[in-house]
Amino acid sequence: MLTMSKYAVIKVNNEQILVSEGDVFKINKSDNLNTEVLLYTAENQTLVGTPVVSGVKVTLEKLEDSRDRKISVNRFKAKSRYHKNKGHRQEVSTVKVTAITEAKTKTKKEEN
């Protein structure tokens, strides 16, 4: 069970990420930080989007662009003395969640 008071599931660059305010995480490198909120929970309220929750906004701040740790890709074929080793480093952006805000919705009584 999550003990965070306010959190959201967001979609950034076709990745779904569970975030709360102040979280720092890595995503594939991108200059476009547009987010879609798929689920939002605060205290006793949970909003599930179909497919997106309207009225909730998650603000992200890009901290840095860097390269992730190196992964090794190996190819090997038995009995033929064939083997290759290749490395790869993915470019990533480190991002911080600065705010999760919910827009106030007006009721019919407030409009009159």
N, C-alpha and C. Protein backbone atom coordinates (compact mmCIF):
# COMPACT_ATOMS: atom_id res chain seq x y z
N MET A 1 0.84 -1.19 0.00
CA MET A 1 0.00 0.00 0.00
C MET A 1 0.87 1.23 0.00
N LEU A 2 0.54 2.18 -0.85
CA LEU A 2 1.29 3.42 -0.92
C LEU A 2 0.91 4.33 0.23
N THR A 3 1.90 5.00 0.81
CA THR A 3 1.64 5.89 1.94
C THR A 3 1.77 7.35 1.55
N MET A 4 1.94 7.63 0.25
CA MET A 4 2.04 9.01 -0.20
C MET A 4 0.67 9.68 -0.08
N SER A 5 0.65 10.97 0.30
CA SER A 5 -0.63 11.64 0.46
C SER A 5 -1.22 12.04 -0.89
N LYS A 6 -0.36 12.44 -1.83
CA LYS A 6 -0.85 12.86 -3.14
C LYS A 6 0.07 12.26 -4.19
N TYR A 7 -0.50 11.48 -5.11
CA TYR A 7 0.32 10.92 -6.19
C TYR A 7 -0.50 10.79 -7.45
N ALA A 8 0.20 10.56 -8.56
CA ALA A 8 -0.45 10.46 -9.86
C ALA A 8 0.31 9.47 -10.73
N VAL A 9 -0.41 8.86 -11.66
CA VAL A 9 0.22 8.05 -12.70
C VAL A 9 0.18 8.91 -13.96
N ILE A 10 1.37 9.20 -14.50
CA ILE A 10 1.44 10.07 -15.66
C ILE A 10 2.03 9.31 -16.85
N LYS A 11 1.78 9.86 -18.03
CA LYS A 11 2.34 9.30 -19.25
C LYS A 11 3.25 10.35 -19.87
N VAL A 12 4.55 10.02 -19.98
CA VAL A 12 5.55 10.91 -20.58
C VAL A 12 6.33 10.07 -21.58
N ASN A 13 6.38 10.52 -22.84
CA ASN A 13 7.13 9.80 -23.87
C ASN A 13 6.73 8.33 -23.96
N ASN A 14 5.45 8.05 -23.90
CA ASN A 14 4.92 6.68 -23.98
C ASN A 14 5.40 5.79 -22.84
N GLU A 15 5.75 6.35 -21.70
CA GLU A 15 6.09 5.60 -20.50
C GLU A 15 5.12 6.02 -19.40
N GLN A 16 4.60 5.04 -18.66
CA GLN A 16 3.72 5.34 -17.54
C GLN A 16 4.53 5.28 -16.26
N ILE A 17 4.42 6.35 -15.44
CA ILE A 17 5.26 6.49 -14.25
C ILE A 17 4.40 6.92 -13.07
N LEU A 18 4.59 6.28 -11.91
CA LEU A 18 3.92 6.66 -10.68
C LEU A 18 4.78 7.72 -9.99
N VAL A 19 4.22 8.93 -9.78
CA VAL A 19 5.00 10.03 -9.22
C VAL A 19 4.25 10.70 -8.08
N SER A 20 5.01 11.36 -7.21
CA SER A 20 4.47 12.27 -6.20
C SER A 20 5.33 13.52 -6.22
N GLU A 21 4.94 14.55 -5.51
CA GLU A 21 5.68 15.81 -5.53
C GLU A 21 7.07 15.62 -4.97
N GLY A 22 8.07 16.16 -5.68
CA GLY A 22 9.45 16.06 -5.23
C GLY A 22 10.21 14.86 -5.76
N ASP A 23 9.55 13.95 -6.47
CA ASP A 23 10.22 12.77 -7.01
C ASP A 23 11.19 13.17 -8.13
N VAL A 24 12.31 12.45 -8.21
CA VAL A 24 13.29 12.62 -9.28
C VAL A 24 13.41 11.27 -10.00
N PHE A 25 13.29 11.28 -11.32
CA PHE A 25 13.37 10.04 -12.08
C PHE A 25 13.98 10.30 -13.44
N LYS A 26 14.34 9.20 -14.15
CA LYS A 26 14.96 9.30 -15.46
C LYS A 26 13.99 8.81 -16.53
N ILE A 27 13.97 9.52 -17.66
CA ILE A 27 13.18 9.11 -18.82
C ILE A 27 14.10 9.17 -20.04
N ASN A 28 13.68 8.54 -21.13
CA ASN A 28 14.44 8.66 -22.37
C ASN A 28 14.54 10.13 -22.75
N LYS A 29 15.70 10.52 -23.30
CA LYS A 29 15.97 11.94 -23.57
C LYS A 29 14.89 12.55 -24.45
N SER A 30 14.40 13.71 -24.00
CA SER A 30 13.36 14.42 -24.73
C SER A 30 13.36 15.88 -24.30
N ASP A 31 13.09 16.77 -25.26
CA ASP A 31 12.92 18.18 -24.93
C ASP A 31 11.46 18.49 -24.63
N ASN A 32 10.58 17.57 -24.99
CA ASN A 32 9.15 17.76 -24.82
C ASN A 32 8.70 17.06 -23.53
N LEU A 33 8.29 17.83 -22.53
CA LEU A 33 7.87 17.25 -21.25
C LEU A 33 6.36 17.35 -21.06
N ASN A 34 5.59 17.16 -22.12
CA ASN A 34 4.13 17.16 -21.99
C ASN A 34 3.69 15.89 -21.29
N THR A 35 2.81 16.06 -20.30
CA THR A 35 2.35 14.92 -19.53
C THR A 35 0.85 14.74 -19.68
N GLU A 36 0.43 13.51 -19.58
CA GLU A 36 -1.00 13.18 -19.49
C GLU A 36 -1.20 12.48 -18.16
N VAL A 37 -2.18 12.92 -17.38
CA VAL A 37 -2.45 12.31 -16.09
C VAL A 37 -3.48 11.20 -16.30
N LEU A 38 -3.10 9.97 -15.96
CA LEU A 38 -3.98 8.83 -16.15
C LEU A 38 -4.74 8.47 -14.87
N LEU A 39 -4.14 8.76 -13.70
CA LEU A 39 -4.77 8.48 -12.41
C LEU A 39 -4.27 9.51 -11.41
N TYR A 40 -5.15 9.97 -10.52
CA TYR A 40 -4.77 10.96 -9.52
C TYR A 40 -5.40 10.57 -8.19
N THR A 41 -4.60 10.62 -7.11
CA THR A 41 -5.10 10.30 -5.78
C THR A 41 -4.61 11.34 -4.79
N ALA A 42 -5.54 11.87 -3.99
CA ALA A 42 -5.21 12.79 -2.91
C ALA A 42 -6.14 12.50 -1.75
N GLU A 43 -5.55 12.35 -0.54
CA GLU A 43 -6.27 12.01 0.69
C GLU A 43 -7.35 10.95 0.45
N ASN A 44 -8.62 11.34 0.37
CA ASN A 44 -9.72 10.38 0.23
C ASN A 44 -10.35 10.41 -1.16
N GLN A 45 -9.65 10.97 -2.14
CA GLN A 45 -10.22 11.15 -3.47
C GLN A 45 -9.34 10.46 -4.50
N THR A 46 -9.95 9.65 -5.36
CA THR A 46 -9.22 9.00 -6.45
C THR A 46 -9.96 9.27 -7.75
N LEU A 47 -9.23 9.80 -8.74
CA LEU A 47 -9.80 10.07 -10.05
C LEU A 47 -9.10 9.19 -11.07
N VAL A 48 -9.88 8.41 -11.81
CA VAL A 48 -9.33 7.55 -12.85
C VAL A 48 -9.77 8.11 -14.19
N GLY A 49 -8.82 8.29 -15.08
CA GLY A 49 -9.12 8.88 -16.38
C GLY A 49 -9.64 7.88 -17.37
N THR A 50 -10.38 8.37 -18.34
CA THR A 50 -10.89 7.52 -19.42
C THR A 50 -10.57 8.17 -20.76
N PRO A 51 -9.42 8.21 -21.27
CA PRO A 51 -8.16 7.69 -20.71
C PRO A 51 -7.38 8.72 -19.90
N VAL A 52 -7.78 10.01 -19.92
CA VAL A 52 -7.01 11.05 -19.25
C VAL A 52 -7.89 11.76 -18.23
N VAL A 53 -7.30 12.12 -17.08
CA VAL A 53 -8.02 12.88 -16.06
C VAL A 53 -7.94 14.36 -16.43
N SER A 54 -9.09 15.00 -16.57
CA SER A 54 -9.09 16.43 -16.90
C SER A 54 -9.11 17.23 -15.60
N GLY A 55 -8.43 18.37 -15.61
CA GLY A 55 -8.41 19.22 -14.43
C GLY A 55 -7.24 18.98 -13.51
N VAL A 56 -6.40 18.01 -13.79
CA VAL A 56 -5.22 17.74 -12.96
C VAL A 56 -3.98 17.96 -13.82
N LYS A 57 -3.00 18.68 -13.27
CA LYS A 57 -1.79 18.98 -14.03
C LYS A 57 -0.56 18.62 -13.19
N VAL A 58 0.39 17.94 -13.83
CA VAL A 58 1.66 17.62 -13.19
C VAL A 58 2.75 18.45 -13.87
N THR A 59 3.47 19.24 -13.07
CA THR A 59 4.51 20.11 -13.60
C THR A 59 5.87 19.45 -13.40
N LEU A 60 6.63 19.33 -14.50
CA LEU A 60 7.95 18.70 -14.46
C LEU A 60 9.04 19.73 -14.74
N GLU A 61 10.20 19.51 -14.16
CA GLU A 61 11.37 20.36 -14.39
C GLU A 61 12.53 19.47 -14.80
N LYS A 62 13.15 19.79 -15.95
CA LYS A 62 14.29 19.01 -16.42
C LYS A 62 15.54 19.46 -15.68
N LEU A 63 16.22 18.50 -15.03
CA LEU A 63 17.42 18.82 -14.28
C LEU A 63 18.68 18.71 -15.14
N GLU A 64 18.80 17.60 -15.90
CA GLU A 64 19.98 17.44 -16.75
C GLU A 64 19.74 16.38 -17.81
N ASP A 65 20.56 16.45 -18.86
CA ASP A 65 20.63 15.42 -19.89
C ASP A 65 21.95 14.70 -19.71
N SER A 66 21.91 13.38 -19.73
CA SER A 66 23.13 12.60 -19.55
C SER A 66 22.98 11.28 -20.27
N ARG A 67 23.95 10.41 -20.05
CA ARG A 67 23.90 9.07 -20.63
C ARG A 67 23.83 8.07 -19.50
N ASP A 68 23.00 7.06 -19.67
CA ASP A 68 22.80 6.03 -18.65
C ASP A 68 24.01 5.11 -18.60
N ARG A 69 24.00 4.18 -17.67
CA ARG A 69 25.13 3.24 -17.55
C ARG A 69 25.21 2.35 -18.78
N LYS A 70 26.37 1.83 -19.04
CA LYS A 70 26.60 1.03 -20.23
C LYS A 70 26.02 -0.38 -20.05
N ILE A 71 25.35 -0.86 -21.10
CA ILE A 71 24.91 -2.25 -21.11
C ILE A 71 25.71 -2.97 -22.18
N SER A 72 25.93 -4.25 -21.96
CA SER A 72 26.72 -5.05 -22.87
C SER A 72 25.81 -5.98 -23.65
N VAL A 73 25.98 -6.01 -24.97
CA VAL A 73 25.18 -6.87 -25.84
C VAL A 73 26.14 -7.91 -26.42
N ASN A 74 25.92 -9.18 -26.12
CA ASN A 74 26.81 -10.25 -26.56
C ASN A 74 26.11 -11.16 -27.55
N ARG A 75 26.87 -11.59 -28.57
CA ARG A 75 26.39 -12.58 -29.51
C ARG A 75 27.36 -13.74 -29.48
N PHE A 76 26.84 -14.95 -29.49
CA PHE A 76 27.70 -16.12 -29.41
C PHE A 76 27.04 -17.28 -30.14
N LYS A 77 27.80 -17.96 -30.95
CA LYS A 77 27.32 -19.18 -31.60
C LYS A 77 28.28 -20.31 -31.24
N ALA A 78 27.72 -21.37 -30.71
CA ALA A 78 28.53 -22.48 -30.24
C ALA A 78 29.21 -23.21 -31.41
N LYS A 79 30.37 -23.73 -31.14
CA LYS A 79 31.14 -24.60 -32.05
C LYS A 79 31.62 -23.93 -33.32
N SER A 80 31.42 -22.62 -33.48
CA SER A 80 31.88 -21.96 -34.71
C SER A 80 32.87 -20.84 -34.43
N ARG A 81 33.27 -20.69 -33.19
CA ARG A 81 34.22 -19.65 -32.76
C ARG A 81 33.73 -18.24 -33.11
N TYR A 82 32.42 -18.05 -33.05
CA TYR A 82 31.83 -16.75 -33.37
C TYR A 82 31.35 -16.10 -32.08
N HIS A 83 31.88 -14.93 -31.78
CA HIS A 83 31.38 -14.16 -30.64
C HIS A 83 31.67 -12.69 -30.89
N LYS A 84 30.70 -11.85 -30.54
CA LYS A 84 30.84 -10.40 -30.66
C LYS A 84 30.34 -9.77 -29.37
N ASN A 85 30.97 -8.69 -29.00
CA ASN A 85 30.57 -7.94 -27.83
C ASN A 85 30.39 -6.48 -28.24
N LYS A 86 29.26 -5.90 -27.89
CA LYS A 86 28.96 -4.52 -28.27
C LYS A 86 28.36 -3.81 -27.07
N GLY A 87 28.72 -2.55 -26.85
CA GLY A 87 28.19 -1.79 -25.73
C GLY A 87 27.23 -0.71 -26.22
N HIS A 88 26.34 -0.28 -25.31
CA HIS A 88 25.37 0.76 -25.64
C HIS A 88 25.09 1.59 -24.40
N ARG A 89 25.03 2.93 -24.59
CA ARG A 89 24.64 3.84 -23.51
C ARG A 89 23.47 4.68 -23.99
N GLN A 90 22.33 4.56 -23.31
CA GLN A 90 21.12 5.28 -23.68
C GLN A 90 21.19 6.72 -23.16
N GLU A 91 20.76 7.67 -23.97
CA GLU A 91 20.69 9.06 -23.52
C GLU A 91 19.41 9.25 -22.72
N VAL A 92 19.52 9.84 -21.53
CA VAL A 92 18.39 10.01 -20.63
C VAL A 92 18.31 11.45 -20.14
N SER A 93 17.13 11.84 -19.70
CA SER A 93 16.90 13.14 -19.06
C SER A 93 16.49 12.88 -17.62
N THR A 94 17.09 13.60 -16.68
CA THR A 94 16.71 13.51 -15.28
C THR A 94 15.66 14.59 -15.03
N VAL A 95 14.51 14.19 -14.48
CA VAL A 95 13.36 15.07 -14.36
C VAL A 95 12.88 15.07 -12.90
N LYS A 96 12.42 16.24 -12.44
CA LYS A 96 11.87 16.38 -11.09
C LYS A 96 10.43 16.85 -11.17
N VAL A 97 9.56 16.27 -10.34
CA VAL A 97 8.16 16.68 -10.25
C VAL A 97 8.09 17.86 -9.29
N THR A 98 7.73 19.03 -9.80
CA THR A 98 7.67 20.22 -8.94
C THR A 98 6.31 20.40 -8.30
N ALA A 99 5.23 20.03 -9.01
CA ALA A 99 3.90 20.23 -8.44
C ALA A 99 2.88 19.31 -9.10
N ILE A 100 1.90 18.90 -8.29
CA ILE A 100 0.72 18.22 -8.80
C ILE A 100 -0.46 19.08 -8.36
N THR A 101 -1.13 19.71 -9.33
CA THR A 101 -2.21 20.64 -9.01
C THR A 101 -3.53 20.16 -9.58
N GLU A 102 -4.57 20.44 -8.84
CA GLU A 102 -5.92 20.08 -9.26
C GLU A 102 -6.71 21.37 -9.45
N ALA A 103 -7.34 21.50 -10.61
CA ALA A 103 -8.14 22.69 -10.89
C ALA A 103 -9.44 22.62 -10.11
N LYS A 104 -9.85 23.76 -9.60
CA LYS A 104 -11.13 23.82 -8.87
C LYS A 104 -12.27 23.80 -9.88
N THR A 105 -13.24 22.93 -9.65
CA THR A 105 -14.40 22.88 -10.52
C THR A 105 -15.54 23.64 -9.86
N LYS A 106 -16.22 24.46 -10.64
CA LYS A 106 -17.32 25.26 -10.12
C LYS A 106 -18.60 24.44 -10.12
N THR A 107 -19.34 24.51 -9.01
CA THR A 107 -20.65 23.86 -8.95
C THR A 107 -21.69 24.85 -9.44
N LYS A 108 -22.89 24.38 -9.64
CA LYS A 108 -23.95 25.26 -10.15
C LYS A 108 -24.31 26.35 -9.13
N LYS A 109 -24.17 26.06 -7.83
CA LYS A 109 -24.48 27.06 -6.82
C LYS A 109 -23.47 28.22 -6.88
N GLU A 110 -22.17 27.90 -7.13
CA GLU A 110 -21.15 28.93 -7.17
C GLU A 110 -21.28 29.82 -8.40
N GLU A 111 -21.81 29.27 -9.50
CA GLU A 111 -21.94 30.04 -10.74
C GLU A 111 -23.03 31.10 -10.63
N ASN A 112 -24.09 30.85 -9.84
CA ASN A 112 -25.20 31.80 -9.70
C ASN A 112 -24.91 32.90 -8.76
